[in-house]
Amino acid sequence: MPTNPDPKYVLEELAATLSIEETLKKFPEIGKNELADLLEMAAAAVGNRPPVAVLMIDGAARGNPGPAGAGVVLKGAGDRDIQEGVFIGEATNNVAEYSALVHGLELARKIGLRDLLVQSDSQLLVRQMKGEYRVKNEKLKKLFARAQETASHFDNVSYLHVPREKNRQADSLANMAVDAKGKVFL
């Protein structure tokens, strides 16, 4: 072993010697894929890569389908967080979730971010974007393709499913946009 080991190497060794099963028992709200994403984020943080920005997204539809909005919180994009809500008209909750993802990815790309962790309380969206589930709905296929195309412009995009209570900011923005029937900024 070198006298001054690469921090990423140390982290990889640490991860390899820890008990994945014990960690998952301690944190039952995350699965193996989410744990892998967290380890990847940690490796990026101690490696030579720039810091990872966090994109929190949520969609809201009242009536499903009904009046719908998309909420986006972008952390690590400069001096302050970017928080936006966008009214998207009549849509299902899943369409609203994907609309939030597309809006957030486009915003992150526009400001020049390269590494991004997307957090969503939609397990369906997260698993579809990771390639674990197929997209069957025709409306979602178009939004999925747009999200994939936009994500391809980043060096790295990871997806993490989070509990609803950890996504309240994005949820609030989505609902504010529905109430305003337009864009909201905080």
N, C-alpha and C. Protein backbone atom coordinates (compact mmCIF):
# COMPACT_ATOMS: atom_id res chain seq x y z
N MET A 1 0.85 -1.19 0.00
CA MET A 1 0.00 0.00 0.00
C MET A 1 0.88 1.24 0.00
N PRO A 2 0.55 2.27 -0.81
CA PRO A 2 1.37 3.46 -0.86
C PRO A 2 1.35 4.22 0.46
N THR A 3 2.39 5.04 0.70
CA THR A 3 2.46 5.81 1.96
C THR A 3 1.39 6.88 2.01
N ASN A 4 1.05 7.49 0.89
CA ASN A 4 -0.02 8.48 0.83
C ASN A 4 -1.11 7.97 -0.11
N PRO A 5 -1.98 7.10 0.38
CA PRO A 5 -2.96 6.48 -0.52
C PRO A 5 -3.97 7.50 -1.04
N ASP A 6 -4.45 7.23 -2.23
CA ASP A 6 -5.50 8.03 -2.84
C ASP A 6 -6.75 7.91 -1.97
N PRO A 7 -7.38 9.04 -1.59
CA PRO A 7 -8.58 8.97 -0.74
C PRO A 7 -9.68 8.10 -1.32
N LYS A 8 -9.80 8.09 -2.64
CA LYS A 8 -10.81 7.26 -3.28
C LYS A 8 -10.52 5.78 -3.03
N TYR A 9 -9.24 5.40 -3.08
CA TYR A 9 -8.85 4.02 -2.82
C TYR A 9 -9.20 3.63 -1.39
N VAL A 10 -8.92 4.53 -0.45
CA VAL A 10 -9.23 4.26 0.95
C VAL A 10 -10.73 4.08 1.13
N LEU A 11 -11.52 4.95 0.50
CA LEU A 11 -12.98 4.86 0.60
C LEU A 11 -13.48 3.55 0.00
N GLU A 12 -12.92 3.16 -1.13
CA GLU A 12 -13.33 1.89 -1.76
C GLU A 12 -13.00 0.71 -0.85
N GLU A 13 -11.84 0.73 -0.22
CA GLU A 13 -11.47 -0.33 0.71
C GLU A 13 -12.40 -0.35 1.92
N LEU A 14 -12.71 0.85 2.42
CA LEU A 14 -13.62 0.96 3.56
C LEU A 14 -14.99 0.38 3.19
N ALA A 15 -15.49 0.75 2.03
CA ALA A 15 -16.79 0.25 1.59
C ALA A 15 -16.77 -1.27 1.43
N ALA A 16 -15.66 -1.80 0.94
CA ALA A 16 -15.56 -3.24 0.71
C ALA A 16 -15.54 -4.03 2.02
N THR A 17 -15.04 -3.42 3.09
CA THR A 17 -14.94 -4.15 4.36
C THR A 17 -16.14 -3.96 5.25
N LEU A 18 -17.01 -3.01 4.93
CA LEU A 18 -18.21 -2.79 5.72
C LEU A 18 -19.27 -3.83 5.37
N SER A 19 -20.15 -4.06 6.27
CA SER A 19 -21.23 -5.01 6.02
C SER A 19 -22.41 -4.29 5.35
N ILE A 20 -22.64 -4.62 4.11
CA ILE A 20 -23.76 -4.04 3.37
C ILE A 20 -25.08 -4.41 4.06
N GLU A 21 -25.20 -5.67 4.47
CA GLU A 21 -26.43 -6.13 5.10
C GLU A 21 -26.71 -5.38 6.40
N GLU A 22 -25.67 -5.17 7.22
CA GLU A 22 -25.86 -4.45 8.48
C GLU A 22 -26.24 -2.99 8.22
N THR A 23 -25.63 -2.39 7.22
CA THR A 23 -25.95 -1.01 6.87
C THR A 23 -27.39 -0.90 6.40
N LEU A 24 -27.83 -1.86 5.57
CA LEU A 24 -29.21 -1.83 5.09
C LEU A 24 -30.21 -2.07 6.21
N LYS A 25 -29.84 -2.89 7.20
CA LYS A 25 -30.71 -3.10 8.36
C LYS A 25 -30.85 -1.81 9.16
N LYS A 26 -29.74 -1.10 9.30
CA LYS A 26 -29.74 0.14 10.08
C LYS A 26 -30.54 1.25 9.38
N PHE A 27 -30.54 1.23 8.03
CA PHE A 27 -31.24 2.24 7.24
C PHE A 27 -32.22 1.54 6.30
N PRO A 28 -33.34 1.05 6.83
CA PRO A 28 -34.26 0.26 6.00
C PRO A 28 -34.93 1.07 4.88
N GLU A 29 -34.88 2.39 4.95
CA GLU A 29 -35.53 3.21 3.93
C GLU A 29 -34.73 3.27 2.62
N ILE A 30 -33.49 2.77 2.64
CA ILE A 30 -32.72 2.75 1.40
C ILE A 30 -32.45 1.31 0.97
N GLY A 31 -32.30 1.11 -0.30
CA GLY A 31 -31.99 -0.21 -0.84
C GLY A 31 -30.53 -0.28 -1.27
N LYS A 32 -30.16 -1.43 -1.85
CA LYS A 32 -28.77 -1.62 -2.27
C LYS A 32 -28.36 -0.61 -3.34
N ASN A 33 -29.25 -0.32 -4.28
CA ASN A 33 -28.90 0.64 -5.34
C ASN A 33 -28.69 2.03 -4.78
N GLU A 34 -29.55 2.44 -3.84
CA GLU A 34 -29.40 3.74 -3.23
C GLU A 34 -28.10 3.81 -2.42
N LEU A 35 -27.76 2.72 -1.73
CA LEU A 35 -26.51 2.66 -0.98
C LEU A 35 -25.31 2.78 -1.93
N ALA A 36 -25.39 2.14 -3.06
CA ALA A 36 -24.32 2.25 -4.06
C ALA A 36 -24.18 3.69 -4.54
N ASP A 37 -25.32 4.36 -4.75
CA ASP A 37 -25.28 5.77 -5.16
C ASP A 37 -24.62 6.63 -4.10
N LEU A 38 -24.94 6.37 -2.83
CA LEU A 38 -24.34 7.15 -1.74
C LEU A 38 -22.83 6.93 -1.67
N LEU A 39 -22.39 5.70 -1.86
CA LEU A 39 -20.95 5.42 -1.86
C LEU A 39 -20.27 6.11 -3.04
N GLU A 40 -20.93 6.14 -4.18
CA GLU A 40 -20.38 6.81 -5.35
C GLU A 40 -20.25 8.31 -5.09
N MET A 41 -21.28 8.89 -4.44
CA MET A 41 -21.23 10.31 -4.10
C MET A 41 -20.06 10.59 -3.16
N ALA A 42 -19.89 9.72 -2.15
CA ALA A 42 -18.80 9.90 -1.19
C ALA A 42 -17.46 9.79 -1.89
N ALA A 43 -17.33 8.86 -2.81
CA ALA A 43 -16.08 8.71 -3.56
C ALA A 43 -15.80 9.96 -4.38
N ALA A 44 -16.83 10.54 -4.96
CA ALA A 44 -16.65 11.77 -5.74
C ALA A 44 -16.22 12.92 -4.83
N ALA A 45 -16.76 12.94 -3.62
CA ALA A 45 -16.45 14.02 -2.69
C ALA A 45 -14.99 13.99 -2.25
N VAL A 46 -14.40 12.81 -2.11
CA VAL A 46 -13.01 12.74 -1.66
C VAL A 46 -12.04 12.61 -2.84
N GLY A 47 -12.54 12.37 -4.02
CA GLY A 47 -11.68 12.26 -5.19
C GLY A 47 -11.40 13.63 -5.79
N ASN A 48 -10.96 13.64 -7.00
CA ASN A 48 -10.60 14.88 -7.67
C ASN A 48 -11.75 15.48 -8.47
N ARG A 49 -12.92 14.87 -8.39
CA ARG A 49 -14.05 15.38 -9.14
C ARG A 49 -14.64 16.59 -8.43
N PRO A 50 -15.27 17.49 -9.20
CA PRO A 50 -15.91 18.64 -8.57
C PRO A 50 -17.07 18.16 -7.70
N PRO A 51 -17.51 19.00 -6.77
CA PRO A 51 -18.62 18.59 -5.89
C PRO A 51 -19.88 18.28 -6.69
N VAL A 52 -20.67 17.38 -6.15
CA VAL A 52 -21.91 16.97 -6.79
C VAL A 52 -23.03 17.92 -6.34
N ALA A 53 -23.74 18.47 -7.31
CA ALA A 53 -24.92 19.27 -6.99
C ALA A 53 -26.08 18.31 -6.76
N VAL A 54 -27.03 18.73 -5.95
CA VAL A 54 -28.20 17.90 -5.65
C VAL A 54 -29.43 18.56 -6.26
N LEU A 55 -30.16 17.78 -7.04
CA LEU A 55 -31.41 18.22 -7.65
C LEU A 55 -32.55 17.46 -6.99
N MET A 56 -33.37 18.18 -6.23
CA MET A 56 -34.54 17.58 -5.58
C MET A 56 -35.75 17.91 -6.46
N ILE A 57 -36.53 16.89 -6.82
CA ILE A 57 -37.66 17.10 -7.72
C ILE A 57 -38.93 16.48 -7.14
N ASP A 58 -40.07 17.05 -7.53
CA ASP A 58 -41.35 16.44 -7.18
C ASP A 58 -42.42 16.97 -8.11
N GLY A 59 -43.42 16.16 -8.33
CA GLY A 59 -44.57 16.55 -9.13
C GLY A 59 -45.83 16.41 -8.29
N ALA A 60 -46.83 17.21 -8.63
CA ALA A 60 -48.10 17.16 -7.92
C ALA A 60 -49.24 17.26 -8.93
N ALA A 61 -50.23 16.39 -8.78
CA ALA A 61 -51.42 16.44 -9.64
C ALA A 61 -52.63 16.30 -8.73
N ARG A 62 -53.54 17.21 -8.85
CA ARG A 62 -54.75 17.16 -8.04
C ARG A 62 -55.86 16.54 -8.85
N GLY A 63 -56.16 15.29 -8.52
CA GLY A 63 -57.19 14.56 -9.24
C GLY A 63 -56.64 13.40 -10.04
N ASN A 64 -55.41 13.47 -10.42
CA ASN A 64 -54.66 12.40 -11.10
C ASN A 64 -55.43 11.67 -12.20
N PRO A 65 -55.71 12.28 -13.38
CA PRO A 65 -55.16 13.56 -13.80
C PRO A 65 -55.95 14.74 -13.26
N GLY A 66 -55.26 15.85 -13.25
CA GLY A 66 -55.83 17.10 -12.78
C GLY A 66 -54.81 18.20 -12.95
N PRO A 67 -55.11 19.39 -12.40
CA PRO A 67 -54.13 20.48 -12.47
C PRO A 67 -52.83 20.01 -11.83
N ALA A 68 -51.71 20.25 -12.52
CA ALA A 68 -50.44 19.66 -12.07
C ALA A 68 -49.31 20.68 -12.10
N GLY A 69 -48.33 20.42 -11.24
CA GLY A 69 -47.15 21.27 -11.17
C GLY A 69 -45.90 20.45 -10.93
N ALA A 70 -44.76 21.06 -11.22
CA ALA A 70 -43.46 20.45 -11.03
C ALA A 70 -42.63 21.34 -10.12
N GLY A 71 -41.98 20.74 -9.12
CA GLY A 71 -41.14 21.49 -8.20
C GLY A 71 -39.69 21.04 -8.29
N VAL A 72 -38.78 22.02 -8.24
CA VAL A 72 -37.35 21.76 -8.40
C VAL A 72 -36.57 22.57 -7.37
N VAL A 73 -35.66 21.89 -6.65
CA VAL A 73 -34.72 22.57 -5.76
C VAL A 73 -33.33 22.10 -6.18
N LEU A 74 -32.47 23.05 -6.54
CA LEU A 74 -31.12 22.75 -6.99
C LEU A 74 -30.14 23.30 -5.97
N LYS A 75 -29.46 22.39 -5.27
CA LYS A 75 -28.49 22.76 -4.23
C LYS A 75 -27.08 22.54 -4.76
N GLY A 76 -26.19 23.46 -4.41
CA GLY A 76 -24.81 23.35 -4.86
C GLY A 76 -24.59 23.99 -6.20
N ALA A 77 -25.45 24.95 -6.55
CA ALA A 77 -25.35 25.61 -7.84
C ALA A 77 -24.86 27.05 -7.68
N GLY A 78 -24.09 27.30 -6.65
CA GLY A 78 -23.60 28.66 -6.43
C GLY A 78 -23.85 29.09 -5.00
N ASP A 79 -24.04 30.39 -4.84
CA ASP A 79 -24.19 30.97 -3.50
C ASP A 79 -25.47 30.58 -2.80
N ARG A 80 -26.53 30.36 -3.54
CA ARG A 80 -27.81 29.99 -2.92
C ARG A 80 -28.53 28.96 -3.75
N ASP A 81 -29.46 28.28 -3.10
CA ASP A 81 -30.24 27.25 -3.79
C ASP A 81 -31.17 27.91 -4.81
N ILE A 82 -31.41 27.19 -5.89
CA ILE A 82 -32.40 27.62 -6.88
C ILE A 82 -33.66 26.83 -6.60
N GLN A 83 -34.77 27.53 -6.43
CA GLN A 83 -36.04 26.87 -6.11
C GLN A 83 -37.11 27.39 -7.07
N GLU A 84 -37.69 26.47 -7.84
CA GLU A 84 -38.70 26.86 -8.82
C GLU A 84 -39.86 25.88 -8.82
N GLY A 85 -41.02 26.42 -9.10
CA GLY A 85 -42.21 25.61 -9.34
C GLY A 85 -42.80 26.02 -10.67
N VAL A 86 -43.29 25.05 -11.44
CA VAL A 86 -43.83 25.32 -12.77
C VAL A 86 -45.18 24.64 -12.90
N PHE A 87 -46.18 25.40 -13.32
CA PHE A 87 -47.50 24.83 -13.60
C PHE A 87 -47.44 24.15 -14.97
N ILE A 88 -47.91 22.90 -15.06
CA ILE A 88 -47.81 22.18 -16.34
C ILE A 88 -49.19 21.86 -16.94
N GLY A 89 -50.25 22.35 -16.32
CA GLY A 89 -51.59 22.11 -16.86
C GLY A 89 -52.18 20.80 -16.35
N GLU A 90 -53.03 20.21 -17.15
CA GLU A 90 -53.71 18.95 -16.79
C GLU A 90 -52.76 17.78 -17.04
N ALA A 91 -52.49 17.00 -16.00
CA ALA A 91 -51.55 15.89 -16.14
C ALA A 91 -51.74 14.90 -15.00
N THR A 92 -51.14 13.72 -15.17
CA THR A 92 -51.11 12.74 -14.08
C THR A 92 -49.94 13.06 -13.16
N ASN A 93 -49.92 12.41 -12.01
CA ASN A 93 -48.82 12.61 -11.08
C ASN A 93 -47.49 12.15 -11.69
N ASN A 94 -47.49 11.03 -12.41
CA ASN A 94 -46.24 10.54 -13.02
C ASN A 94 -45.72 11.50 -14.08
N VAL A 95 -46.61 12.08 -14.87
CA VAL A 95 -46.20 13.08 -15.85
C VAL A 95 -45.62 14.30 -15.13
N ALA A 96 -46.23 14.69 -14.03
CA ALA A 96 -45.72 15.82 -13.25
C ALA A 96 -44.32 15.51 -12.69
N GLU A 97 -44.12 14.29 -12.22
CA GLU A 97 -42.80 13.89 -11.69
C GLU A 97 -41.74 13.99 -12.79
N TYR A 98 -42.04 13.45 -13.96
CA TYR A 98 -41.08 13.51 -15.08
C TYR A 98 -40.88 14.93 -15.57
N SER A 99 -41.93 15.74 -15.54
CA SER A 99 -41.79 17.15 -15.94
C SER A 99 -40.84 17.87 -15.00
N ALA A 100 -40.91 17.55 -13.70
CA ALA A 100 -39.99 18.13 -12.73
C ALA A 100 -38.56 17.70 -13.04
N LEU A 101 -38.37 16.43 -13.36
CA LEU A 101 -37.03 15.93 -13.70
C LEU A 101 -36.47 16.66 -14.92
N VAL A 102 -37.25 16.73 -15.99
CA VAL A 102 -36.79 17.38 -17.21
C VAL A 102 -36.46 18.85 -16.94
N HIS A 103 -37.35 19.54 -16.24
CA HIS A 103 -37.13 20.96 -15.93
C HIS A 103 -35.85 21.13 -15.11
N GLY A 104 -35.67 20.30 -14.10
CA GLY A 104 -34.48 20.39 -13.26
C GLY A 104 -33.19 20.08 -14.00
N LEU A 105 -33.21 19.04 -14.84
CA LEU A 105 -32.02 18.70 -15.63
C LEU A 105 -31.67 19.83 -16.60
N GLU A 106 -32.68 20.40 -17.24
CA GLU A 106 -32.42 21.50 -18.17
C GLU A 106 -31.87 22.72 -17.45
N LEU A 107 -32.39 23.00 -16.27
CA LEU A 107 -31.89 24.12 -15.46
C LEU A 107 -30.43 23.88 -15.05
N ALA A 108 -30.13 22.68 -14.58
CA ALA A 108 -28.76 22.35 -14.16
C ALA A 108 -27.80 22.42 -15.34
N ARG A 109 -28.25 21.97 -16.49
CA ARG A 109 -27.40 22.03 -17.69
C ARG A 109 -27.14 23.47 -18.10
N LYS A 110 -28.20 24.29 -18.04
CA LYS A 110 -28.08 25.69 -18.46
C LYS A 110 -27.06 26.45 -17.61
N ILE A 111 -26.97 26.12 -16.33
CA ILE A 111 -26.01 26.84 -15.49
C ILE A 111 -24.64 26.17 -15.45
N GLY A 112 -24.48 25.08 -16.21
CA GLY A 112 -23.17 24.51 -16.40
C GLY A 112 -22.72 23.45 -15.41
N LEU A 113 -23.65 22.85 -14.70
CA LEU A 113 -23.27 21.79 -13.77
C LEU A 113 -22.85 20.54 -14.54
N ARG A 114 -21.94 19.75 -13.97
CA ARG A 114 -21.44 18.54 -14.65
C ARG A 114 -21.78 17.26 -13.90
N ASP A 115 -21.84 17.30 -12.57
CA ASP A 115 -22.15 16.13 -11.73
C ASP A 115 -23.41 16.43 -10.95
N LEU A 116 -24.36 15.50 -10.98
CA LEU A 116 -25.66 15.77 -10.39
C LEU A 116 -26.22 14.53 -9.71
N LEU A 117 -26.74 14.72 -8.51
CA LEU A 117 -27.50 13.68 -7.82
C LEU A 117 -28.95 14.12 -7.82
N VAL A 118 -29.81 13.33 -8.44
CA VAL A 118 -31.24 13.63 -8.49
C VAL A 118 -31.92 12.85 -7.37
N GLN A 119 -32.65 13.58 -6.52
CA GLN A 119 -33.40 12.95 -5.43
C GLN A 119 -34.89 13.11 -5.72
N SER A 120 -35.61 12.00 -5.62
CA SER A 120 -37.05 12.00 -5.88
C SER A 120 -37.74 11.03 -4.93
N ASP A 121 -38.96 11.36 -4.56
CA ASP A 121 -39.73 10.41 -3.75
C ASP A 121 -40.56 9.47 -4.64
N SER A 122 -40.38 9.58 -5.96
CA SER A 122 -41.05 8.67 -6.89
C SER A 122 -40.15 7.48 -7.17
N GLN A 123 -40.47 6.36 -6.54
CA GLN A 123 -39.68 5.15 -6.76
C GLN A 123 -39.76 4.71 -8.22
N LEU A 124 -40.92 4.89 -8.84
CA LEU A 124 -41.09 4.51 -10.24
C LEU A 124 -40.11 5.29 -11.11
N LEU A 125 -40.08 6.62 -10.98
CA LEU A 125 -39.19 7.44 -11.79
C LEU A 125 -37.73 7.05 -11.56
N VAL A 126 -37.33 6.91 -10.32
CA VAL A 126 -35.94 6.57 -10.01
C VAL A 126 -35.56 5.23 -10.63
N ARG A 127 -36.40 4.24 -10.47
CA ARG A 127 -36.08 2.92 -11.03
C ARG A 127 -36.09 2.91 -12.55
N GLN A 128 -36.99 3.69 -13.15
CA GLN A 128 -37.00 3.77 -14.61
C GLN A 128 -35.75 4.48 -15.12
N MET A 129 -35.35 5.56 -14.47
CA MET A 129 -34.16 6.29 -14.92
C MET A 129 -32.89 5.48 -14.71
N LYS A 130 -32.89 4.59 -13.73
CA LYS A 130 -31.73 3.71 -13.51
C LYS A 130 -31.74 2.50 -14.44
N GLY A 131 -32.83 2.31 -15.17
CA GLY A 131 -32.94 1.18 -16.08
C GLY A 131 -33.42 -0.09 -15.41
N GLU A 132 -33.91 0.00 -14.17
CA GLU A 132 -34.40 -1.18 -13.46
C GLU A 132 -35.82 -1.54 -13.86
N TYR A 133 -36.62 -0.54 -14.26
CA TYR A 133 -37.98 -0.77 -14.73
C TYR A 133 -38.09 -0.21 -16.15
N ARG A 134 -38.95 -0.85 -16.95
CA ARG A 134 -39.24 -0.33 -18.28
C ARG A 134 -40.31 0.75 -18.18
N VAL A 135 -40.29 1.65 -19.15
CA VAL A 135 -41.33 2.69 -19.25
C VAL A 135 -42.36 2.17 -20.24
N LYS A 136 -43.57 1.97 -19.76
CA LYS A 136 -44.62 1.41 -20.61
C LYS A 136 -45.61 2.47 -21.11
N ASN A 137 -45.87 3.48 -20.29
CA ASN A 137 -46.84 4.52 -20.64
C ASN A 137 -46.31 5.40 -21.77
N GLU A 138 -47.14 5.61 -22.80
CA GLU A 138 -46.71 6.37 -23.99
C GLU A 138 -46.33 7.81 -23.66
N LYS A 139 -47.10 8.50 -22.82
CA LYS A 139 -46.77 9.88 -22.46
C LYS A 139 -45.45 9.92 -21.69
N LEU A 140 -45.25 8.95 -20.81
CA LEU A 140 -44.02 8.92 -20.03
C LEU A 140 -42.81 8.59 -20.90
N LYS A 141 -43.01 7.79 -21.96
CA LYS A 141 -41.89 7.43 -22.84
C LYS A 141 -41.24 8.67 -23.44
N LYS A 142 -42.06 9.64 -23.85
CA LYS A 142 -41.53 10.88 -24.43
C LYS A 142 -40.74 11.68 -23.39
N LEU A 143 -41.30 11.81 -22.20
CA LEU A 143 -40.60 12.55 -21.14
C LEU A 143 -39.34 11.81 -20.69
N PHE A 144 -39.42 10.49 -20.62
CA PHE A 144 -38.27 9.66 -20.26
C PHE A 144 -37.14 9.87 -21.27
N ALA A 145 -37.47 9.84 -22.55
CA ALA A 145 -36.46 10.03 -23.61
C ALA A 145 -35.84 11.43 -23.52
N ARG A 146 -36.67 12.42 -23.26
CA ARG A 146 -36.16 13.79 -23.11
C ARG A 146 -35.24 13.90 -21.90
N ALA A 147 -35.62 13.26 -20.79
CA ALA A 147 -34.79 13.27 -19.59
C ALA A 147 -33.46 12.57 -19.85
N GLN A 148 -33.50 11.43 -20.52
CA GLN A 148 -32.27 10.69 -20.83
C GLN A 148 -31.36 11.51 -21.73
N GLU A 149 -31.94 12.15 -22.73
CA GLU A 149 -31.14 12.95 -23.66
C GLU A 149 -30.48 14.11 -22.91
N THR A 150 -31.23 14.78 -22.06
CA THR A 150 -30.67 15.90 -21.31
C THR A 150 -29.61 15.41 -20.33
N ALA A 151 -29.85 14.30 -19.67
CA ALA A 151 -28.88 13.74 -18.71
C ALA A 151 -27.58 13.33 -19.40
N SER A 152 -27.65 13.00 -20.68
CA SER A 152 -26.45 12.57 -21.40
C SER A 152 -25.42 13.69 -21.55
N HIS A 153 -25.81 14.92 -21.32
CA HIS A 153 -24.89 16.06 -21.43
C HIS A 153 -24.07 16.29 -20.16
N PHE A 154 -24.34 15.53 -19.12
CA PHE A 154 -23.60 15.66 -17.86
C PHE A 154 -22.49 14.62 -17.81
N ASP A 155 -21.47 14.87 -16.99
CA ASP A 155 -20.43 13.86 -16.77
C ASP A 155 -21.01 12.69 -15.98
N ASN A 156 -21.87 13.01 -15.02
CA ASN A 156 -22.45 11.98 -14.17
C ASN A 156 -23.79 12.44 -13.62
N VAL A 157 -24.80 11.60 -13.73
CA VAL A 157 -26.10 11.83 -13.10
C VAL A 157 -26.46 10.55 -12.35
N SER A 158 -26.71 10.68 -11.05
CA SER A 158 -27.15 9.55 -10.22
C SER A 158 -28.56 9.84 -9.73
N TYR A 159 -29.29 8.78 -9.45
CA TYR A 159 -30.68 8.91 -8.99
C TYR A 159 -30.82 8.22 -7.65
N LEU A 160 -31.49 8.90 -6.72
CA LEU A 160 -31.68 8.37 -5.38
C LEU A 160 -33.13 8.54 -4.97
N HIS A 161 -33.76 7.44 -4.56
CA HIS A 161 -35.12 7.50 -4.02
C HIS A 161 -35.03 7.94 -2.57
N VAL A 162 -35.81 8.96 -2.19
CA VAL A 162 -35.83 9.46 -0.82
C VAL A 162 -37.26 9.43 -0.30
N PRO A 163 -37.43 9.33 1.01
CA PRO A 163 -38.79 9.38 1.58
C PRO A 163 -39.43 10.74 1.32
N ARG A 164 -40.75 10.76 1.28
CA ARG A 164 -41.49 12.02 1.03
C ARG A 164 -41.09 13.13 1.97
N GLU A 165 -40.87 12.79 3.23
CA GLU A 165 -40.55 13.84 4.21
C GLU A 165 -39.20 14.51 3.93
N LYS A 166 -38.35 13.88 3.15
CA LYS A 166 -37.06 14.49 2.79
C LYS A 166 -37.15 15.25 1.47
N ASN A 167 -38.37 15.36 0.94
CA ASN A 167 -38.56 16.01 -0.35
C ASN A 167 -39.61 17.11 -0.26
N ARG A 168 -39.83 17.62 0.94
CA ARG A 168 -40.92 18.58 1.17
C ARG A 168 -40.75 19.90 0.41
N GLN A 169 -39.50 20.37 0.24
CA GLN A 169 -39.28 21.63 -0.47
C GLN A 169 -39.78 21.54 -1.90
N ALA A 170 -39.39 20.49 -2.61
CA ALA A 170 -39.80 20.33 -4.00
C ALA A 170 -41.31 20.13 -4.09
N ASP A 171 -41.88 19.36 -3.15
CA ASP A 171 -43.33 19.14 -3.12
C ASP A 171 -44.07 20.46 -2.94
N SER A 172 -43.58 21.27 -2.02
CA SER A 172 -44.21 22.56 -1.75
C SER A 172 -44.20 23.45 -2.99
N LEU A 173 -43.08 23.47 -3.71
CA LEU A 173 -42.98 24.28 -4.92
C LEU A 173 -43.94 23.79 -6.01
N ALA A 174 -44.07 22.47 -6.16
CA ALA A 174 -44.99 21.92 -7.15
C ALA A 174 -46.42 22.35 -6.83
N ASN A 175 -46.80 22.27 -5.56
CA ASN A 175 -48.16 22.65 -5.16
C ASN A 175 -48.38 24.16 -5.27
N MET A 176 -47.36 24.95 -4.97
CA MET A 176 -47.47 26.40 -5.12
C MET A 176 -47.70 26.78 -6.59
N ALA A 177 -47.03 26.06 -7.49
CA ALA A 177 -47.21 26.33 -8.93
C ALA A 177 -48.63 25.99 -9.37
N VAL A 178 -49.20 24.90 -8.83
CA VAL A 178 -50.58 24.55 -9.15
C VAL A 178 -51.51 25.65 -8.65
N ASP A 179 -51.30 26.11 -7.42
CA ASP A 179 -52.14 27.19 -6.87
C ASP A 179 -52.04 28.47 -7.70
N ALA A 180 -50.81 28.81 -8.12
CA ALA A 180 -50.59 30.04 -8.87
C ALA A 180 -50.93 29.90 -10.35
N LYS A 181 -51.07 28.66 -10.80
CA LYS A 181 -51.29 28.37 -12.23
C LYS A 181 -50.23 29.08 -13.08
N GLY A 182 -48.98 29.01 -12.59
CA GLY A 182 -47.85 29.65 -13.28
C GLY A 182 -46.55 29.27 -12.60
N LYS A 183 -45.50 30.04 -12.88
CA LYS A 183 -44.18 29.79 -12.29
C LYS A 183 -44.08 30.47 -10.94
N VAL A 184 -43.36 29.82 -10.03
CA VAL A 184 -43.03 30.41 -8.73
C VAL A 184 -41.55 30.25 -8.49
N PHE A 185 -40.96 31.24 -7.83
CA PHE A 185 -39.54 31.21 -7.49
C PHE A 185 -39.39 31.58 -6.03
N LEU A 186 -38.50 30.91 -5.33
CA LEU A 186 -38.21 31.28 -3.94
C LEU A 186 -36.74 31.62 -3.82
